[in-house]
Amino acid sequence: MSPLTDTLLVLLTVALALSYLIWRKLRSARHSARDWTSGHAEVCSSCPVIKIHEARNQRASKSTT
């Protein structure tokens, strides 16, 4: 193959790889944000958001008694 064709194929491959990585990053960021804000224990039982929510509930129940 000619050097021009080789260069174009390399550039196309790099562009496709970068676009795939960007797509995965955006997709995972959107999915993580949805998990963190949902607050459901079945989504992530060890999330700090869940622990903070449980601590608030315990403090609220102690202050009312």
N, C-alpha and C. Protein backbone atom coordinates (compact mmCIF):
# COMPACT_ATOMS: atom_id res chain seq x y z
N MET A 1 0.83 -1.18 0.00
CA MET A 1 0.00 0.00 0.00
C MET A 1 0.88 1.25 0.00
N SER A 2 0.30 2.31 -0.43
CA SER A 2 1.05 3.56 -0.47
C SER A 2 1.13 4.16 0.93
N PRO A 3 2.13 4.98 1.16
CA PRO A 3 2.26 5.61 2.48
C PRO A 3 1.04 6.47 2.85
N LEU A 4 0.41 7.07 1.87
CA LEU A 4 -0.77 7.89 2.14
C LEU A 4 -1.92 7.02 2.66
N THR A 5 -2.12 5.88 2.05
CA THR A 5 -3.18 4.96 2.49
C THR A 5 -2.89 4.45 3.90
N ASP A 6 -1.64 4.10 4.17
CA ASP A 6 -1.27 3.66 5.50
C ASP A 6 -1.54 4.73 6.55
N THR A 7 -1.17 5.95 6.23
CA THR A 7 -1.38 7.07 7.16
C THR A 7 -2.86 7.30 7.40
N LEU A 8 -3.65 7.24 6.35
CA LEU A 8 -5.10 7.43 6.50
C LEU A 8 -5.73 6.33 7.35
N LEU A 9 -5.29 5.10 7.16
CA LEU A 9 -5.81 3.99 7.95
C LEU A 9 -5.44 4.14 9.43
N VAL A 10 -4.23 4.57 9.70
CA VAL A 10 -3.80 4.78 11.08
C VAL A 10 -4.61 5.90 11.71
N LEU A 11 -4.78 7.01 11.01
CA LEU A 11 -5.56 8.13 11.53
C LEU A 11 -7.01 7.73 11.77
N LEU A 12 -7.59 6.95 10.88
CA LEU A 12 -8.96 6.49 11.05
C LEU A 12 -9.08 5.58 12.27
N THR A 13 -8.13 4.70 12.45
CA THR A 13 -8.14 3.80 13.60
C THR A 13 -8.00 4.57 14.90
N VAL A 14 -7.11 5.53 14.95
CA VAL A 14 -6.92 6.34 16.16
C VAL A 14 -8.17 7.16 16.45
N ALA A 15 -8.78 7.73 15.42
CA ALA A 15 -10.00 8.51 15.61
C ALA A 15 -11.14 7.64 16.13
N LEU A 16 -11.28 6.44 15.61
CA LEU A 16 -12.31 5.53 16.09
C LEU A 16 -12.06 5.10 17.53
N ALA A 17 -10.80 4.84 17.87
CA ALA A 17 -10.47 4.45 19.23
C ALA A 17 -10.75 5.58 20.22
N LEU A 18 -10.39 6.80 19.86
CA LEU A 18 -10.65 7.95 20.73
C LEU A 18 -12.14 8.20 20.90
N SER A 19 -12.88 8.08 19.81
CA SER A 19 -14.32 8.31 19.93
C SER A 19 -14.97 7.22 20.79
N TYR A 20 -14.50 6.00 20.70
CA TYR A 20 -15.01 4.92 21.55
C TYR A 20 -14.70 5.19 23.02
N LEU A 21 -13.49 5.62 23.32
CA LEU A 21 -13.12 5.91 24.70
C LEU A 21 -13.94 7.07 25.27
N ILE A 22 -14.16 8.09 24.47
CA ILE A 22 -14.98 9.23 24.92
C ILE A 22 -16.41 8.79 25.15
N TRP A 23 -16.95 7.97 24.25
CA TRP A 23 -18.32 7.47 24.40
C TRP A 23 -18.44 6.64 25.68
N ARG A 24 -17.46 5.78 25.96
CA ARG A 24 -17.51 4.96 27.18
C ARG A 24 -17.41 5.83 28.43
N LYS A 25 -16.58 6.86 28.39
CA LYS A 25 -16.42 7.75 29.54
C LYS A 25 -17.72 8.50 29.82
N LEU A 26 -18.35 9.02 28.79
CA LEU A 26 -19.61 9.73 28.97
C LEU A 26 -20.71 8.79 29.45
N ARG A 27 -20.75 7.60 28.92
CA ARG A 27 -21.77 6.63 29.31
C ARG A 27 -21.59 6.21 30.77
N SER A 28 -20.35 5.95 31.17
CA SER A 28 -20.12 5.55 32.56
C SER A 28 -20.37 6.70 33.53
N ALA A 29 -20.07 7.93 33.13
CA ALA A 29 -20.33 9.08 34.00
C ALA A 29 -21.82 9.27 34.18
N ARG A 30 -22.59 9.10 33.13
CA ARG A 30 -24.04 9.25 33.23
C ARG A 30 -24.63 8.13 34.08
N HIS A 31 -24.11 6.92 33.94
CA HIS A 31 -24.61 5.78 34.71
C HIS A 31 -24.24 5.94 36.18
N SER A 32 -23.04 6.38 36.47
CA SER A 32 -22.62 6.57 37.86
C SER A 32 -23.44 7.65 38.53
N ALA A 33 -23.70 8.73 37.82
CA ALA A 33 -24.50 9.80 38.40
C ALA A 33 -25.90 9.31 38.73
N ARG A 34 -26.45 8.47 37.89
CA ARG A 34 -27.78 7.94 38.12
C ARG A 34 -27.77 7.03 39.34
N ASP A 35 -26.74 6.21 39.52
CA ASP A 35 -26.64 5.34 40.68
C ASP A 35 -26.47 6.12 41.97
N TRP A 36 -25.64 7.15 41.95
CA TRP A 36 -25.38 7.91 43.17
C TRP A 36 -26.61 8.68 43.63
N THR A 37 -27.40 9.15 42.70
CA THR A 37 -28.54 9.98 43.09
C THR A 37 -29.79 9.17 43.37
N SER A 38 -29.79 7.89 42.99
CA SER A 38 -31.02 7.12 43.18
C SER A 38 -31.25 6.81 44.65
N GLY A 39 -30.19 6.52 45.40
CA GLY A 39 -30.33 6.24 46.82
C GLY A 39 -30.88 4.88 47.14
N HIS A 40 -31.01 4.02 46.17
CA HIS A 40 -31.53 2.68 46.42
C HIS A 40 -30.41 1.77 46.89
N ALA A 41 -30.66 1.02 47.95
CA ALA A 41 -29.65 0.15 48.52
C ALA A 41 -29.26 -0.96 47.56
N GLU A 42 -30.19 -1.42 46.72
CA GLU A 42 -29.85 -2.49 45.80
C GLU A 42 -28.93 -2.01 44.68
N VAL A 43 -28.85 -0.71 44.48
CA VAL A 43 -27.96 -0.19 43.45
C VAL A 43 -26.52 -0.26 43.93
N CYS A 44 -26.27 0.27 45.12
CA CYS A 44 -24.93 0.18 45.69
C CYS A 44 -25.06 0.29 47.21
N SER A 45 -24.97 -0.82 47.87
CA SER A 45 -25.21 -0.84 49.31
C SER A 45 -24.08 -0.21 50.11
N SER A 46 -22.91 -0.08 49.53
CA SER A 46 -21.79 0.49 50.27
C SER A 46 -21.48 1.92 49.86
N CYS A 47 -22.37 2.55 49.11
CA CYS A 47 -22.14 3.93 48.69
C CYS A 47 -22.15 4.87 49.89
N PRO A 48 -21.29 5.86 49.91
CA PRO A 48 -21.31 6.85 50.99
C PRO A 48 -22.64 7.58 51.08
N VAL A 49 -23.34 7.74 49.98
CA VAL A 49 -24.62 8.42 50.01
C VAL A 49 -25.60 7.65 50.88
N ILE A 50 -25.60 6.35 50.78
CA ILE A 50 -26.48 5.51 51.58
C ILE A 50 -26.11 5.62 53.05
N LYS A 51 -24.82 5.59 53.35
CA LYS A 51 -24.36 5.67 54.74
C LYS A 51 -24.73 7.02 55.36
N ILE A 52 -24.60 8.09 54.60
CA ILE A 52 -24.95 9.42 55.10
C ILE A 52 -26.45 9.49 55.36
N HIS A 53 -27.23 8.93 54.45
CA HIS A 53 -28.68 8.93 54.61
C HIS A 53 -29.09 8.14 55.86
N GLU A 54 -28.46 6.99 56.08
CA GLU A 54 -28.78 6.19 57.27
C GLU A 54 -28.38 6.94 58.54
N ALA A 55 -27.24 7.60 58.55
CA ALA A 55 -26.80 8.36 59.72
C ALA A 55 -27.76 9.50 60.02
N ARG A 56 -28.26 10.18 58.99
CA ARG A 56 -29.24 11.24 59.20
C ARG A 56 -30.53 10.69 59.80
N ASN A 57 -30.96 9.55 59.31
CA ASN A 57 -32.18 8.93 59.85
C ASN A 57 -31.99 8.55 61.31
N GLN A 58 -30.83 8.02 61.67
CA GLN A 58 -30.58 7.63 63.05
C GLN A 58 -30.54 8.86 63.95
N ARG A 59 -29.90 9.93 63.49
CA ARG A 59 -29.85 11.16 64.28
C ARG A 59 -31.24 11.76 64.45
N ALA A 60 -32.03 11.71 63.40
CA ALA A 60 -33.38 12.26 63.47
C ALA A 60 -34.25 11.45 64.44
N SER A 61 -34.08 10.14 64.43
CA SER A 61 -34.89 9.31 65.33
C SER A 61 -34.44 9.49 66.79
N LYS A 62 -33.16 9.74 67.02
CA LYS A 62 -32.66 9.97 68.37
C LYS A 62 -33.14 11.33 68.91
N SER A 63 -33.22 12.31 68.04
CA SER A 63 -33.62 13.64 68.51
C SER A 63 -35.12 13.73 68.80
N THR A 64 -35.92 12.88 68.17
CA THR A 64 -37.36 12.90 68.42
C THR A 64 -37.75 12.11 69.66
N THR A 65 -36.87 11.22 70.12
CA THR A 65 -37.20 10.41 71.31
C THR A 65 -36.71 11.03 72.59
